[in-house]
PDB file of N, CA and C in Angstrom:
ATOM      1  N   MET A   1      16.982   6.602  -3.687  1.00  0.00           N
ATOM      2  CA  MET A   1      16.377   6.628  -4.998  1.00  0.00           C
ATOM      3  C   MET A   1      15.017   7.300  -4.901  1.00  0.00           C
ATOM      4  N   PRO A   2      14.790   8.345  -5.682  1.00  0.00           N
ATOM      5  CA  PRO A   2      13.474   8.973  -5.673  1.00  0.00           C
ATOM      6  C   PRO A   2      12.430   8.006  -6.202  1.00  0.00           C
ATOM      7  N   ILE A   3      11.228   8.118  -5.691  1.00  0.00           N
ATOM      8  CA  ILE A   3      10.149   7.238  -6.104  1.00  0.00           C
ATOM      9  C   ILE A   3       9.277   7.985  -7.106  1.00  0.00           C
ATOM     10  N   ALA A   4       9.030   7.373  -8.237  1.00  0.00           N
ATOM     11  CA  ALA A   4       8.117   7.955  -9.220  1.00  0.00           C
ATOM     12  C   ALA A   4       6.713   7.633  -8.762  1.00  0.00           C
ATOM     13  N   LEU A   5       6.156   8.507  -7.977  1.00  0.00           N
ATOM     14  CA  LEU A   5       4.858   8.250  -7.375  1.00  0.00           C
ATOM     15  C   LEU A   5       3.762   8.955  -8.154  1.00  0.00           C
ATOM     16  N   HIS A   6       2.601   8.357  -8.152  1.00  0.00           N
ATOM     17  CA  HIS A   6       1.460   8.883  -8.880  1.00  0.00           C
ATOM     18  C   HIS A   6       0.419   9.336  -7.866  1.00  0.00           C
ATOM     19  N   ASN A   7      -0.054  10.563  -7.997  1.00  0.00           N
ATOM     20  CA  ASN A   7      -1.049  11.070  -7.052  1.00  0.00           C
ATOM     21  C   ASN A   7      -2.347  10.300  -7.157  1.00  0.00           C
ATOM     22  N   ALA A   8      -2.893   9.984  -6.004  1.00  0.00           N
ATOM     23  CA  ALA A   8      -4.206   9.350  -5.954  1.00  0.00           C
ATOM     24  C   ALA A   8      -5.242  10.459  -6.039  1.00  0.00           C
ATOM     25  N   VAL A   9      -6.250  10.254  -6.812  1.00  0.00           N
ATOM     26  CA  VAL A   9      -7.273  11.274  -7.005  1.00  0.00           C
ATOM     27  C   VAL A   9      -8.367  11.077  -5.973  1.00  0.00           C
ATOM     28  N   ASP A  10      -8.661  12.116  -5.215  1.00  0.00           N
ATOM     29  CA  ASP A  10      -9.743  12.077  -4.237  1.00  0.00           C
ATOM     30  C   ASP A  10     -11.042  12.491  -4.916  1.00  0.00           C
ATOM     31  N   ASP A  11     -12.148  11.897  -4.482  1.00  0.00           N
ATOM     32  CA  ASP A  11     -13.452  12.309  -4.980  1.00  0.00           C
ATOM     33  C   ASP A  11     -13.784  13.711  -4.483  1.00  0.00           C
ATOM     34  N   ASP A  12     -13.312  14.045  -3.311  1.00  0.00           N
ATOM     35  CA  ASP A  12     -13.567  15.360  -2.718  1.00  0.00           C
ATOM     36  C   ASP A  12     -12.445  16.307  -3.138  1.00  0.00           C
ATOM     37  N   GLU A  13     -12.718  17.185  -4.075  1.00  0.00           N
ATOM     38  CA  GLU A  13     -11.707  18.097  -4.604  1.00  0.00           C
ATOM     39  C   GLU A  13     -11.206  19.085  -3.559  1.00  0.00           C
ATOM     40  N   SER A  14     -11.982  19.325  -2.487  1.00  0.00           N
ATOM     41  CA  SER A  14     -11.562  20.289  -1.476  1.00  0.00           C
ATOM     42  C   SER A  14     -10.512  19.717  -0.529  1.00  0.00           C
ATOM     43  N   SER A  15     -10.304  18.426  -0.571  1.00  0.00           N
ATOM     44  CA  SER A  15      -9.329  17.783   0.310  1.00  0.00           C
ATOM     45  C   SER A  15      -7.915  18.077  -0.168  1.00  0.00           C
ATOM     46  N   GLU A  16      -7.081  18.631   0.712  1.00  0.00           N
ATOM     47  CA  GLU A  16      -5.711  18.952   0.344  1.00  0.00           C
ATOM     48  C   GLU A  16      -4.783  17.767   0.530  1.00  0.00           C
ATOM     49  N   ALA A  17      -5.036  16.930   1.508  1.00  0.00           N
ATOM     50  CA  ALA A  17      -4.164  15.801   1.783  1.00  0.00           C
ATOM     51  C   ALA A  17      -4.412  14.706   0.752  1.00  0.00           C
ATOM     52  N   SER A  18      -3.338  14.209   0.178  1.00  0.00           N
ATOM     53  CA  SER A  18      -3.480  13.093  -0.747  1.00  0.00           C
ATOM     54  C   SER A  18      -2.281  12.183  -0.574  1.00  0.00           C
ATOM     55  N   TYR A  19      -2.439  10.979  -1.048  1.00  0.00           N
ATOM     56  CA  TYR A  19      -1.346  10.028  -1.026  1.00  0.00           C
ATOM     57  C   TYR A  19      -1.038   9.667  -2.465  1.00  0.00           C
ATOM     58  N   ARG A  20       0.038   8.947  -2.641  1.00  0.00           N
ATOM     59  CA  ARG A  20       0.458   8.552  -3.972  1.00  0.00           C
ATOM     60  C   ARG A  20       0.414   7.045  -4.105  1.00  0.00           C
ATOM     61  N   ARG A  21       0.483   6.577  -5.315  1.00  0.00           N
ATOM     62  CA  ARG A  21       0.507   5.140  -5.591  1.00  0.00           C
ATOM     63  C   ARG A  21       1.814   4.812  -6.299  1.00  0.00           C
ATOM     64  N   ILE A  22       2.355   3.639  -5.973  1.00  0.00           N
ATOM     65  CA  ILE A  22       3.524   3.158  -6.690  1.00  0.00           C
ATOM     66  C   ILE A  22       3.192   1.808  -7.303  1.00  0.00           C
ATOM     67  N   THR A  23       3.870   1.495  -8.371  1.00  0.00           N
ATOM     68  CA  THR A  23       3.660   0.224  -9.051  1.00  0.00           C
ATOM     69  C   THR A  23       4.507  -0.857  -8.378  1.00  0.00           C
ATOM     70  N   PRO A  24       4.185  -2.124  -8.618  1.00  0.00           N
ATOM     71  CA  PRO A  24       5.038  -3.200  -8.086  1.00  0.00           C
ATOM     72  C   PRO A  24       6.488  -3.086  -8.573  1.00  0.00           C
ATOM     73  N   ALA A  25       6.700  -2.642  -9.799  1.00  0.00           N
ATOM     74  CA  ALA A  25       8.076  -2.477 -10.308  1.00  0.00           C
ATOM     75  C   ALA A  25       8.825  -1.422  -9.503  1.00  0.00           C
ATOM     76  N   GLU A  26       8.165  -0.329  -9.161  1.00  0.00           N
ATOM     77  CA  GLU A  26       8.784   0.710  -8.337  1.00  0.00           C
ATOM     78  C   GLU A  26       9.039   0.192  -6.929  1.00  0.00           C
ATOM     79  N   PHE A  27       8.083  -0.576  -6.408  1.00  0.00           N
ATOM     80  CA  PHE A  27       8.227  -1.155  -5.074  1.00  0.00           C
ATOM     81  C   PHE A  27       9.448  -2.073  -5.018  1.00  0.00           C
ATOM     82  N   ALA A  28       9.660  -2.862  -6.060  1.00  0.00           N
ATOM     83  CA  ALA A  28      10.787  -3.801  -6.107  1.00  0.00           C
ATOM     84  C   ALA A  28      12.125  -3.086  -6.037  1.00  0.00           C
ATOM     85  N   LYS A  29      12.179  -1.828  -6.465  1.00  0.00           N
ATOM     86  CA  LYS A  29      13.429  -1.071  -6.504  1.00  0.00           C
ATOM     87  C   LYS A  29      13.659  -0.212  -5.270  1.00  0.00           C
ATOM     88  N   LEU A  30      12.711  -0.212  -4.336  1.00  0.00           N
ATOM     89  CA  LEU A  30      12.847   0.630  -3.147  1.00  0.00           C
ATOM     90  C   LEU A  30      14.011   0.192  -2.283  1.00  0.00           C
ATOM     91  N   ASP A  31      14.674   1.159  -1.688  1.00  0.00           N
ATOM     92  CA  ASP A  31      15.720   0.909  -0.706  1.00  0.00           C
ATOM     93  C   ASP A  31      15.076   1.055   0.672  1.00  0.00           C
ATOM     94  N   PRO A  32      14.958  -0.045   1.441  1.00  0.00           N
ATOM     95  CA  PRO A  32      14.287   0.050   2.745  1.00  0.00           C
ATOM     96  C   PRO A  32      14.991   0.984   3.725  1.00  0.00           C
ATOM     97  N   ASN A  33      16.191   1.442   3.385  1.00  0.00           N
ATOM     98  CA  ASN A  33      16.896   2.389   4.247  1.00  0.00           C
ATOM     99  C   ASN A  33      16.475   3.832   3.990  1.00  0.00           C
ATOM    100  N   THR A  34      15.699   4.063   2.916  1.00  0.00           N
ATOM    101  CA  THR A  34      15.307   5.434   2.582  1.00  0.00           C
ATOM    102  C   THR A  34      13.813   5.681   2.735  1.00  0.00           C
ATOM    103  N   VAL A  35      13.035   4.630   2.963  1.00  0.00           N
ATOM    104  CA  VAL A  35      11.596   4.761   3.169  1.00  0.00           C
ATOM    105  C   VAL A  35      11.192   3.910   4.361  1.00  0.00           C
ATOM    106  N   THR A  36      10.008   4.153   4.880  1.00  0.00           N
ATOM    107  CA  THR A  36       9.440   3.298   5.912  1.00  0.00           C
ATOM    108  C   THR A  36       8.415   2.402   5.236  1.00  0.00           C
ATOM    109  N   LEU A  37       8.589   1.102   5.349  1.00  0.00           N
ATOM    110  CA  LEU A  37       7.666   0.139   4.761  1.00  0.00           C
ATOM    111  C   LEU A  37       6.691  -0.310   5.837  1.00  0.00           C
ATOM    112  N   LEU A  38       5.420  -0.042   5.637  1.00  0.00           N
ATOM    113  CA  LEU A  38       4.382  -0.375   6.603  1.00  0.00           C
ATOM    114  C   LEU A  38       3.522  -1.483   6.016  1.00  0.00           C
ATOM    115  N   ASP A  39       3.699  -2.704   6.528  1.00  0.00           N
ATOM    116  CA  ASP A  39       3.042  -3.908   6.021  1.00  0.00           C
ATOM    117  C   ASP A  39       1.791  -4.178   6.837  1.00  0.00           C
ATOM    118  N   LEU A  40       0.626  -4.065   6.214  1.00  0.00           N
ATOM    119  CA  LEU A  40      -0.650  -4.206   6.913  1.00  0.00           C
ATOM    120  C   LEU A  40      -1.180  -5.633   6.907  1.00  0.00           C
ATOM    121  N   ARG A  41      -0.430  -6.562   6.345  1.00  0.00           N
ATOM    122  CA  ARG A  41      -0.888  -7.951   6.300  1.00  0.00           C
ATOM    123  C   ARG A  41      -0.891  -8.564   7.693  1.00  0.00           C
ATOM    124  N   GLU A  42      -1.624  -9.650   7.823  1.00  0.00           N
ATOM    125  CA  GLU A  42      -1.671 -10.375   9.086  1.00  0.00           C
ATOM    126  C   GLU A  42      -0.291 -10.971   9.389  1.00  0.00           C
ATOM    127  N   PRO A  43       0.028 -11.171  10.673  1.00  0.00           N
ATOM    128  CA  PRO A  43       1.352 -11.667  11.057  1.00  0.00           C
ATOM    129  C   PRO A  43       1.766 -12.955  10.341  1.00  0.00           C
ATOM    130  N   ALA A  44       0.850 -13.881  10.113  1.00  0.00           N
ATOM    131  CA  ALA A  44       1.207 -15.133   9.432  1.00  0.00           C
ATOM    132  C   ALA A  44       1.639 -14.867   7.996  1.00  0.00           C
ATOM    133  N   ASP A  45       0.954 -13.958   7.305  1.00  0.00           N
ATOM    134  CA  ASP A  45       1.330 -13.603   5.933  1.00  0.00           C
ATOM    135  C   ASP A  45       2.658 -12.862   5.912  1.00  0.00           C
ATOM    136  N   PHE A  46       2.835 -11.988   6.901  1.00  0.00           N
ATOM    137  CA  PHE A  46       4.083 -11.235   7.038  1.00  0.00           C
ATOM    138  C   PHE A  46       5.254 -12.202   7.246  1.00  0.00           C
ATOM    139  N   ALA A  47       5.064 -13.206   8.082  1.00  0.00           N
ATOM    140  CA  ALA A  47       6.123 -14.187   8.360  1.00  0.00           C
ATOM    141  C   ALA A  47       6.386 -15.082   7.149  1.00  0.00           C
ATOM    142  N   ALA A  48       5.338 -15.423   6.410  1.00  0.00           N
ATOM    143  CA  ALA A  48       5.496 -16.305   5.251  1.00  0.00           C
ATOM    144  C   ALA A  48       6.226 -15.621   4.099  1.00  0.00           C
ATOM    145  N   HIS A  49       5.997 -14.334   3.910  1.00  0.00           N
ATOM    146  CA  HIS A  49       6.623 -13.574   2.827  1.00  0.00           C
ATOM    147  C   HIS A  49       7.129 -12.244   3.381  1.00  0.00           C
ATOM    148  N   PRO A  50       8.223 -12.265   4.135  1.00  0.00           N
ATOM    149  CA  PRO A  50       8.721 -11.026   4.741  1.00  0.00           C
ATOM    150  C   PRO A  50       9.342 -10.090   3.714  1.00  0.00           C
ATOM    151  N   VAL A  51       9.301  -8.796   4.011  1.00  0.00           N
ATOM    152  CA  VAL A  51       9.966  -7.774   3.213  1.00  0.00           C
ATOM    153  C   VAL A  51      10.986  -7.122   4.124  1.00  0.00           C
ATOM    154  N   GLU A  52      12.228  -7.093   3.679  1.00  0.00           N
ATOM    155  CA  GLU A  52      13.320  -6.548   4.494  1.00  0.00           C
ATOM    156  C   GLU A  52      13.005  -5.138   4.980  1.00  0.00           C
ATOM    157  N   GLY A  53      13.109  -4.939   6.277  1.00  0.00           N
ATOM    158  CA  GLY A  53      12.935  -3.633   6.882  1.00  0.00           C
ATOM    159  C   GLY A  53      11.502  -3.190   7.108  1.00  0.00           C
ATOM    160  N   ALA A  54      10.523  -4.014   6.762  1.00  0.00           N
ATOM    161  CA  ALA A  54       9.118  -3.623   6.901  1.00  0.00           C
ATOM    162  C   ALA A  54       8.659  -3.711   8.348  1.00  0.00           C
ATOM    163  N   ILE A  55       7.731  -2.830   8.703  1.00  0.00           N
ATOM    164  CA  ILE A  55       7.079  -2.841  10.006  1.00  0.00           C
ATOM    165  C   ILE A  55       5.720  -3.501   9.815  1.00  0.00           C
ATOM    166  N   ASN A  56       5.446  -4.559  10.558  1.00  0.00           N
ATOM    167  CA  ASN A  56       4.152  -5.224  10.452  1.00  0.00           C
ATOM    168  C   ASN A  56       3.140  -4.482  11.316  1.00  0.00           C
ATOM    169  N   ALA A  57       2.027  -4.083  10.702  1.00  0.00           N
ATOM    170  CA  ALA A  57       0.988  -3.331  11.399  1.00  0.00           C
ATOM    171  C   ALA A  57      -0.384  -3.853  11.002  1.00  0.00           C
ATOM    172  N   PRO A  58      -0.743  -5.054  11.475  1.00  0.00           N
ATOM    173  CA  PRO A  58      -2.071  -5.576  11.144  1.00  0.00           C
ATOM    174  C   PRO A  58      -3.161  -4.734  11.791  1.00  0.00           C
ATOM    175  N   LEU A  59      -4.402  -4.996  11.419  1.00  0.00           N
ATOM    176  CA  LEU A  59      -5.542  -4.179  11.836  1.00  0.00           C
ATOM    177  C   LEU A  59      -5.645  -3.980  13.343  1.00  0.00           C
ATOM    178  N   ASP A  60      -5.519  -5.026  14.141  1.00  0.00           N
ATOM    179  CA  ASP A  60      -5.740  -4.900  15.581  1.00  0.00           C
ATOM    180  C   ASP A  60      -4.870  -3.842  16.262  1.00  0.00           C
ATOM    181  N   PRO A  61      -3.536  -3.911  16.162  1.00  0.00           N
ATOM    182  CA  PRO A  61      -2.734  -2.893  16.857  1.00  0.00           C
ATOM    183  C   PRO A  61      -2.393  -1.692  15.988  1.00  0.00           C
ATOM    184  N   LEU A  62      -3.139  -1.472  14.902  1.00  0.00           N
ATOM    185  CA  LEU A  62      -2.792  -0.428  13.943  1.00  0.00           C
ATOM    186  C   LEU A  62      -2.653   0.948  14.588  1.00  0.00           C
ATOM    187  N   ALA A  63      -3.605   1.346  15.397  1.00  0.00           N
ATOM    188  CA  ALA A  63      -3.554   2.676  16.021  1.00  0.00           C
ATOM    189  C   ALA A  63      -2.273   2.856  16.824  1.00  0.00           C
ATOM    190  N   HIS A  64      -1.873   1.827  17.546  1.00  0.00           N
ATOM    191  CA  HIS A  64      -0.643   1.900  18.335  1.00  0.00           C
ATOM    192  C   HIS A  64       0.576   2.016  17.423  1.00  0.00           C
ATOM    193  N   VAL A  65       0.611   1.223  16.369  1.00  0.00           N
ATOM    194  CA  VAL A  65       1.761   1.230  15.465  1.00  0.00           C
ATOM    195  C   VAL A  65       1.866   2.570  14.733  1.00  0.00           C
ATOM    196  N   LEU A  66       0.746   3.136  14.332  1.00  0.00           N
ATOM    197  CA  LEU A  66       0.786   4.411  13.607  1.00  0.00           C
ATOM    198  C   LEU A  66       1.460   5.510  14.424  1.00  0.00           C
ATOM    199  N   LYS A  67       1.346   5.428  15.738  1.00  0.00           N
ATOM    200  CA  LYS A  67       1.988   6.426  16.597  1.00  0.00           C
ATOM    201  C   LYS A  67       3.508   6.342  16.526  1.00  0.00           C
ATOM    202  N   THR A  68       4.042   5.197  16.095  1.00  0.00           N
ATOM    203  CA  THR A  68       5.490   5.004  16.079  1.00  0.00           C
ATOM    204  C   THR A  68       6.103   5.147  14.682  1.00  0.00           C
ATOM    205  N   VAL A  69       5.287   5.410  13.667  1.00  0.00           N
ATOM    206  CA  VAL A  69       5.796   5.522  12.299  1.00  0.00           C
ATOM    207  C   VAL A  69       6.579   6.824  12.153  1.00  0.00           C
ATOM    208  N   PRO A  70       7.825   6.741  11.697  1.00  0.00           N
ATOM    209  CA  PRO A  70       8.638   7.950  11.539  1.00  0.00           C
ATOM    210  C   PRO A  70       8.010   8.934  10.556  1.00  0.00           C
ATOM    211  N   THR A  71       8.189  10.212  10.830  1.00  0.00           N
ATOM    212  CA  THR A  71       7.631  11.257   9.974  1.00  0.00           C
ATOM    213  C   THR A  71       8.672  11.881   9.052  1.00  0.00           C
ATOM    214  N   ASP A  72       9.925  11.455   9.171  1.00  0.00           N
ATOM    215  CA  ASP A  72      11.003  12.118   8.446  1.00  0.00           C
ATOM    216  C   ASP A  72      11.318  11.519   7.076  1.00  0.00           C
ATOM    217  N   ARG A  73      10.524  10.538   6.637  1.00  0.00           N
ATOM    218  CA  ARG A  73      10.721   9.994   5.291  1.00  0.00           C
ATOM    219  C   ARG A  73       9.413   9.408   4.769  1.00  0.00           C
ATOM    220  N   THR A  74       9.392   9.153   3.479  1.00  0.00           N
ATOM    221  CA  THR A  74       8.186   8.613   2.842  1.00  0.00           C
ATOM    222  C   THR A  74       7.791   7.287   3.472  1.00  0.00           C
ATOM    223  N   VAL A  75       6.498   7.118   3.694  1.00  0.00           N
ATOM    224  CA  VAL A  75       5.955   5.867   4.207  1.00  0.00           C
ATOM    225  C   VAL A  75       5.273   5.160   3.038  1.00  0.00           C
ATOM    226  N   VAL A  76       5.701   3.934   2.746  1.00  0.00           N
ATOM    227  CA  VAL A  76       5.076   3.132   1.702  1.00  0.00           C
ATOM    228  C   VAL A  76       4.229   2.073   2.388  1.00  0.00           C
ATOM    229  N   VAL A  77       2.922   2.117   2.136  1.00  0.00           N
ATOM    230  CA  VAL A  77       1.955   1.257   2.802  1.00  0.00           C
ATOM    231  C   VAL A  77       1.487   0.195   1.817  1.00  0.00           C
ATOM    232  N   TYR A  78       1.390  -1.035   2.298  1.00  0.00           N
ATOM    233  CA  TYR A  78       0.834  -2.096   1.457  1.00  0.00           C
ATOM    234  C   TYR A  78       0.130  -3.118   2.326  1.00  0.00           C
ATOM    235  N   CYS A  79      -0.824  -3.806   1.722  1.00  0.00           N
ATOM    236  CA  CYS A  79      -1.560  -4.872   2.389  1.00  0.00           C
ATOM    237  C   CYS A  79      -1.630  -6.035   1.404  1.00  0.00           C
ATOM    238  N   ALA A  80      -2.475  -6.988   1.643  1.00  0.00           N
ATOM    239  CA  ALA A  80      -2.539  -8.158   0.771  1.00  0.00           C
ATOM    240  C   ALA A  80      -3.008  -7.801  -0.645  1.00  0.00           C
ATOM    241  N   GLN A  81      -4.114  -7.057  -0.765  1.00  0.00           N
ATOM    242  CA  GLN A  81      -4.699  -6.772  -2.070  1.00  0.00           C
ATOM    243  C   GLN A  81      -4.658  -5.297  -2.488  1.00  0.00           C
ATOM    244  N   GLY A  82      -4.383  -4.394  -1.563  1.00  0.00           N
ATOM    245  CA  GLY A  82      -4.266  -2.978  -1.900  1.00  0.00           C
ATOM    246  C   GLY A  82      -5.389  -2.088  -1.403  1.00  0.00           C
ATOM    247  N   TRP A  83      -6.520  -2.663  -0.988  1.00  0.00           N
ATOM    248  CA  TRP A  83      -7.651  -1.826  -0.573  1.00  0.00           C
ATOM    249  C   TRP A  83      -7.420  -1.204   0.800  1.00  0.00           C
ATOM    250  N   TRP A  84      -7.011  -2.003   1.751  1.00  0.00           N
ATOM    251  CA  TRP A  84      -6.806  -1.509   3.111  1.00  0.00           C
ATOM    252  C   TRP A  84      -5.653  -0.511   3.156  1.00  0.00           C
ATOM    253  N   SER A  85      -4.617  -0.756   2.379  1.00  0.00           N
ATOM    254  CA  SER A  85      -3.482   0.167   2.391  1.00  0.00           C
ATOM    255  C   SER A  85      -3.879   1.544   1.855  1.00  0.00           C
ATOM    256  N   GLU A  86      -4.813   1.603   0.923  1.00  0.00           N
ATOM    257  CA  GLU A  86      -5.274   2.908   0.444  1.00  0.00           C
ATOM    258  C   GLU A  86      -5.989   3.671   1.558  1.00  0.00           C
ATOM    259  N   GLU A  87      -6.765   2.965   2.369  1.00  0.00           N
ATOM    260  CA  GLU A  87      -7.444   3.607   3.505  1.00  0.00           C
ATOM    261  C   GLU A  87      -6.422   4.153   4.504  1.00  0.00           C
ATOM    262  N   VAL A  88      -5.429   3.352   4.830  1.00  0.00           N
ATOM    263  CA  VAL A  88      -4.404   3.765   5.790  1.00  0.00           C
ATOM    264  C   VAL A  88      -3.555   4.889   5.206  1.00  0.00           C
ATOM    265  N   ALA A  89      -3.258   4.820   3.917  1.00  0.00           N
ATOM    266  CA  ALA A  89      -2.494   5.892   3.265  1.00  0.00           C
ATOM    267  C   ALA A  89      -3.241   7.221   3.384  1.00  0.00           C
ATOM    268  N   GLU A  90      -4.534   7.172   3.215  1.00  0.00           N
ATOM    269  CA  GLU A  90      -5.341   8.390   3.343  1.00  0.00           C
ATOM    270  C   GLU A  90      -5.292   8.927   4.772  1.00  0.00           C
ATOM    271  N   ILE A  91      -5.377   8.034   5.756  1.00  0.00           N
ATOM    272  CA  ILE A  91      -5.289   8.448   7.161  1.00  0.00           C
ATOM    273  C   ILE A  91      -3.935   9.110   7.432  1.00  0.00           C
ATOM    274  N   LEU A  92      -2.862   8.484   6.969  1.00  0.00           N
ATOM    275  CA  LEU A  92      -1.530   9.043   7.186  1.00  0.00           C
ATOM    276  C   LEU A  92      -1.358  10.376   6.459  1.00  0.00           C
ATOM    277  N   ALA A  93      -1.873  10.471   5.233  1.00  0.00           N
ATOM    278  CA  ALA A  93      -1.781  11.732   4.491  1.00  0.00           C
ATOM    279  C   ALA A  93      -2.512  12.842   5.240  1.00  0.00           C
ATOM    280  N   ASP A  94      -3.670  12.512   5.811  1.00  0.00           N
ATOM    281  CA  ASP A  94      -4.422  13.495   6.595  1.00  0.00           C
ATOM    282  C   ASP A  94      -3.641  13.961   7.821  1.00  0.00           C
ATOM    283  N   ARG A  95      -2.754  13.102   8.305  1.00  0.00           N
ATOM    284  CA  ARG A  95      -1.922  13.451   9.465  1.00  0.00           C
ATOM    285  C   ARG A  95      -0.605  14.105   9.063  1.00  0.00           C
ATOM    286  N   GLY A  96      -0.438  14.391   7.767  1.00  0.00           N
ATOM    287  CA  GLY A  96       0.733  15.127   7.315  1.00  0.00           C
ATOM    288  C   GLY A  96       1.894  14.281   6.822  1.00  0.00           C
ATOM    289  N   TYR A  97       1.721  12.983   6.736  1.00  0.00           N
ATOM    290  CA  TYR A  97       2.788  12.122   6.257  1.00  0.00           C
ATOM    291  C   TYR A  97       2.937  12.224   4.744  1.00  0.00           C
ATOM    292  N   ASP A  98       4.151  12.032   4.263  1.00  0.00           N
ATOM    293  CA  ASP A  98       4.423  11.817   2.849  1.00  0.00           C
ATOM    294  C   ASP A  98       4.242  10.321   2.651  1.00  0.00           C
ATOM    295  N   VAL A  99       3.190   9.903   1.963  1.00  0.00           N
ATOM    296  CA  VAL A  99       2.810   8.489   1.958  1.00  0.00           C
ATOM    297  C   VAL A  99       2.440   8.019   0.556  1.00  0.00           C
ATOM    298  N   ALA A 100       2.714   6.740   0.326  1.00  0.00           N
ATOM    299  CA  ALA A 100       2.354   6.084  -0.931  1.00  0.00           C
ATOM    300  C   ALA A 100       1.767   4.716  -0.632  1.00  0.00           C
ATOM    301  N   SER A 101       0.867   4.270  -1.500  1.00  0.00           N
ATOM    302  CA  SER A 101       0.245   2.948  -1.374  1.00  0.00           C
ATOM    303  C   SER A 101       0.655   2.102  -2.573  1.00  0.00           C
ATOM    304  N   LEU A 102       0.981   0.854  -2.321  1.00  0.00           N
ATOM    305  CA  LEU A 102       1.390  -0.065  -3.385  1.00  0.00           C
ATOM    306  C   LEU A 102       0.172  -0.521  -4.177  1.00  0.00           C
ATOM    307  N   ASP A 103       0.122  -0.186  -5.460  1.00  0.00           N
ATOM    308  CA  ASP A 103      -0.978  -0.623  -6.331  1.00  0.00           C
ATOM    309  C   ASP A 103      -1.042  -2.139  -6.374  1.00  0.00           C
ATOM    310  N   GLY A 104      -2.232  -2.681  -6.147  1.00  0.00           N
ATOM    311  CA  GLY A 104      -2.422  -4.128  -6.211  1.00  0.00           C
ATOM    312  C   GLY A 104      -1.983  -4.865  -4.967  1.00  0.00           C
ATOM    313  N   GLY A 105      -1.460  -4.140  -3.986  1.00  0.00           N
ATOM    314  CA  GLY A 105      -1.022  -4.748  -2.741  1.00  0.00           C
ATOM    315  C   GLY A 105       0.136  -5.719  -2.921  1.00  0.00           C
ATOM    316  N   PHE A 106       0.379  -6.490  -1.885  1.00  0.00           N
ATOM    317  CA  PHE A 106       1.499  -7.432  -1.906  1.00  0.00           C
ATOM    318  C   PHE A 106       1.287  -8.495  -2.981  1.00  0.00           C
ATOM    319  N   GLN A 107       0.036  -8.852  -3.255  1.00  0.00           N
ATOM    320  CA  GLN A 107      -0.223  -9.830  -4.315  1.00  0.00           C
ATOM    321  C   GLN A 107       0.242  -9.293  -5.670  1.00  0.00           C
ATOM    322  N   GLY A 108       0.024  -8.023  -5.925  1.00  0.00           N
ATOM    323  CA  GLY A 108       0.515  -7.407  -7.155  1.00  0.00           C
ATOM    324  C   GLY A 108       2.027  -7.462  -7.244  1.00  0.00           C
ATOM    325  N   TYR A 109       2.689  -7.248  -6.117  1.00  0.00           N
ATOM    326  CA  TYR A 109       4.144  -7.334  -6.067  1.00  0.00           C
ATOM    327  C   TYR A 109       4.606  -8.762  -6.332  1.00  0.00           C
ATOM    328  N   LEU A 110       3.946  -9.762  -5.720  1.00  0.00           N
ATOM    329  CA  LEU A 110       4.314 -11.155  -5.971  1.00  0.00           C
ATOM    330  C   LEU A 110       4.096 -11.523  -7.435  1.00  0.00           C
ATOM    331  N   ASP A 111       3.006 -11.055  -8.029  1.00  0.00           N
ATOM    332  CA  ASP A 111       2.751 -11.307  -9.447  1.00  0.00           C
ATOM    333  C   ASP A 111       3.851 -10.690 -10.313  1.00  0.00           C
ATOM    334  N   TYR A 112       4.265  -9.484  -9.943  1.00  0.00           N
ATOM    335  CA  TYR A 112       5.357  -8.822 -10.661  1.00  0.00           C
ATOM    336  C   TYR A 112       6.636  -9.646 -10.567  1.00  0.00           C
ATOM    337  N   LEU A 113       6.987 -10.087  -9.366  1.00  0.00           N
ATOM    338  CA  LEU A 113       8.212 -10.881  -9.187  1.00  0.00           C
ATOM    339  C   LEU A 113       8.162 -12.177  -9.989  1.00  0.00           C
ATOM    340  N   GLU A 114       6.987 -12.775 -10.060  1.00  0.00           N
ATOM    341  CA  GLU A 114       6.827 -14.037 -10.787  1.00  0.00           C
ATOM    342  C   GLU A 114       7.099 -13.856 -12.273  1.00  0.00           C
ATOM    343  N   THR A 115       6.731 -12.717 -12.820  1.00  0.00           N
ATOM    344  CA  THR A 115       6.929 -12.478 -14.250  1.00  0.00           C
ATOM    345  C   THR A 115       8.226 -11.764 -14.572  1.00  0.00           C
ATOM    346  N   HIS A 116       8.936 -11.269 -13.569  1.00  0.00           N
ATOM    347  CA  HIS A 116      10.170 -10.505 -13.793  1.00  0.00           C
ATOM    348  C   HIS A 116      11.348 -11.079 -13.002  1.00  0.00           C
ATOM    349  N   HIS A 117      11.349 -12.357 -12.788  1.00  0.00           N
ATOM    350  CA  HIS A 117      12.443 -12.963 -12.023  1.00  0.00           C
ATOM    351  C   HIS A 117      13.711 -12.935 -12.870  1.00  0.00           C
ATOM    352  N   ASP A 118      14.849 -12.870 -12.167  1.00  0.00           N
ATOM    353  CA  ASP A 118      16.147 -12.784 -12.855  1.00  0.00           C
ATOM    354  C   ASP A 118      16.569 -14.095 -13.449  1.00  0.00           C
TER     355      ASP A 118
END
């Protein structure tokens, strides 16, 4: 499923690398077999609320984990609140990745699920 991604606007107009943002509703519809999910939350948070197919990459081993992230498909990055994932998305975009950051982080996704449960 293609992702309706929104370009993130950089303050520096000369920067060519950019990442995109997805909404919690778009995140809920992702197929983990077609994207790489990079979860930046701490291991305890990751274990408490796992996302199928996600790679846990907390701050400490982040550099090591980034070396193993596949380059052949979109990487969707998220953290607890969304701020850290935007930083990592920018780093990955600078390295040539096709990358998106989840708006509002995992908390935004949980809020979405709470109001849109079946």
